[in-house]
Protein backbone atom coordinates (compact mmCIF):
# COMPACT_ATOMS: atom_id res chain seq x y z
CA MET A 1 -6.05 -1.12 -23.71
CA SER A 2 -2.54 -1.29 -22.29
CA SER A 3 1.02 -1.37 -23.49
CA ALA A 4 4.33 -1.97 -21.78
CA GLY A 5 7.05 0.64 -21.47
CA GLY A 6 10.73 -0.21 -21.87
CA ASP A 7 11.30 -0.53 -18.12
CA GLY A 8 8.34 -2.82 -17.53
CA ALA A 9 5.94 0.02 -16.80
CA VAL A 10 2.44 -0.52 -18.14
CA VAL A 11 0.38 2.21 -19.79
CA VAL A 12 -3.36 1.77 -19.44
CA SER A 13 -5.37 4.00 -21.77
CA VAL A 14 -8.86 4.99 -20.71
CA ARG A 15 -11.46 6.40 -23.10
CA GLY A 16 -14.91 7.90 -22.70
CA THR A 17 -16.77 8.03 -19.42
CA LEU A 18 -15.29 6.71 -16.19
CA ASP A 19 -18.31 6.25 -13.96
CA MET A 20 -20.18 3.64 -11.93
CA ASP A 21 -20.98 1.65 -15.06
CA ASN A 22 -17.47 1.64 -16.54
CA ALA A 23 -14.99 1.95 -13.66
CA VAL A 24 -15.20 -1.80 -13.06
CA PHE A 25 -13.43 -2.39 -16.39
CA LEU A 26 -10.56 -0.12 -15.36
CA ALA A 27 -10.39 -1.79 -11.94
CA GLU A 28 -10.17 -5.22 -13.61
CA ARG A 29 -7.42 -4.08 -16.00
CA LEU A 30 -5.46 -2.45 -13.19
CA GLY A 31 -5.95 -5.46 -10.93
CA ALA A 32 -4.06 -7.79 -13.27
CA THR A 33 -1.18 -5.33 -13.53
CA LEU A 34 -1.10 -4.45 -9.83
CA ASP A 35 -0.76 -8.10 -8.85
CA ARG A 36 2.80 -8.08 -10.18
CA PRO A 37 5.75 -7.32 -7.88
CA ALA A 38 6.60 -3.59 -7.74
CA PRO A 39 4.05 -2.60 -10.39
CA ARG A 40 4.61 0.59 -12.35
CA VAL A 41 1.45 1.86 -14.02
CA VAL A 42 0.59 4.99 -15.97
CA VAL A 43 -3.10 5.63 -16.57
CA ASP A 44 -3.47 7.66 -19.77
CA LEU A 45 -6.55 9.84 -19.27
CA SER A 46 -6.34 11.76 -22.53
CA GLY A 47 -9.55 10.19 -23.81
CA VAL A 48 -11.64 10.62 -20.64
CA HIS A 49 -14.34 13.29 -20.84
CA PHE A 50 -16.16 12.49 -17.58
CA CYS A 51 -15.22 10.88 -14.27
CA ASP A 52 -17.34 10.44 -11.14
CA SER A 53 -16.46 9.45 -7.57
CA ILE A 54 -16.33 5.75 -8.46
CA GLY A 55 -13.72 6.50 -11.13
CA LEU A 56 -11.74 8.60 -8.66
CA SER A 57 -11.92 5.79 -6.13
CA THR A 58 -10.43 3.42 -8.71
CA PHE A 59 -7.38 5.70 -8.96
CA VAL A 60 -6.99 5.84 -5.17
CA VAL A 61 -7.29 2.07 -4.71
CA GLY A 62 -4.85 1.45 -7.58
CA HIS A 63 -2.38 3.96 -6.15
CA ARG A 64 -2.49 2.33 -2.71
CA ARG A 65 -2.09 -1.18 -4.12
CA ALA A 66 0.88 -0.14 -6.25
CA ARG A 67 2.55 1.73 -3.38
CA ASP A 68 2.00 -1.14 -0.95
CA ALA A 69 3.64 -3.52 -3.46
CA GLY A 70 6.68 -1.25 -3.84
CA GLY A 71 5.62 0.32 -7.13
CA TRP A 72 3.66 3.32 -8.30
CA LEU A 73 0.58 4.41 -10.22
CA ARG A 74 0.67 7.72 -12.06
CA LEU A 75 -2.00 9.60 -13.97
CA ALA A 76 -1.21 11.25 -17.30
CA CYS A 77 -2.87 13.63 -19.73
CA PRO A 78 -6.01 14.60 -17.83
CA GLY A 79 -8.22 17.01 -19.73
CA GLU A 80 -9.13 20.36 -18.22
CA PHE A 81 -12.27 19.01 -16.49
CA LEU A 82 -10.49 16.03 -14.98
CA GLU A 83 -7.44 18.03 -13.95
CA ARG A 84 -9.67 20.48 -12.04
CA LEU A 85 -11.58 17.59 -10.47
CA LEU A 86 -8.41 15.80 -9.35
CA ASP A 87 -7.11 19.04 -7.83
CA THR A 88 -10.43 19.91 -6.15
CA VAL A 89 -10.68 16.56 -4.38
CA GLY A 90 -6.99 16.65 -3.38
CA LEU A 91 -5.74 13.76 -5.49
CA THR A 92 -3.04 15.79 -7.22
CA ARG A 93 -1.27 15.98 -3.86
CA ARG A 94 -1.50 12.19 -3.32
CA ILE A 95 -1.13 10.66 -6.77
CA GLY A 96 1.35 11.83 -9.39
CA VAL A 97 -0.43 13.65 -12.21
CA TYR A 98 1.63 14.40 -15.33
CA PRO A 99 0.94 16.34 -18.53
CA THR A 100 2.11 13.53 -20.84
CA VAL A 101 2.56 9.76 -20.73
CA ALA A 102 6.29 10.22 -21.38
CA ASP A 103 6.58 12.55 -18.38
CA ALA A 104 4.68 10.07 -16.20
CA LEU A 105 6.88 7.17 -17.30
CA ALA A 106 9.99 9.22 -16.51
CA GLY A 107 8.58 10.74 -13.31
CA ARG A 108 9.18 14.24 -14.71
CA PRO A 109 6.79 16.87 -13.40
CA GLY A 110 5.52 19.01 -16.26
């Protein structure tokens, strides 16, 4: 599911498990958004309870595509498990991770 923010940013909400079987759906949803000029995307992770390396790779690829097109991809609302995972693998230093969708849309660190 996705919705547009007031400035053209798109919020993509992810629910459940983000693994080898399901990451393709996120990649497809992100792909359509990232094809736009200067895409601005927030991935709402509040409903994700598990993420594997394929899911993490989807974030990295999306971040690179957005950056290369002059936009950004930000992650919002990771649960405790996912926040630790993102930090452990070093993604919190590469991709913006925010406590809320509103903070991610505004670029406000929490």
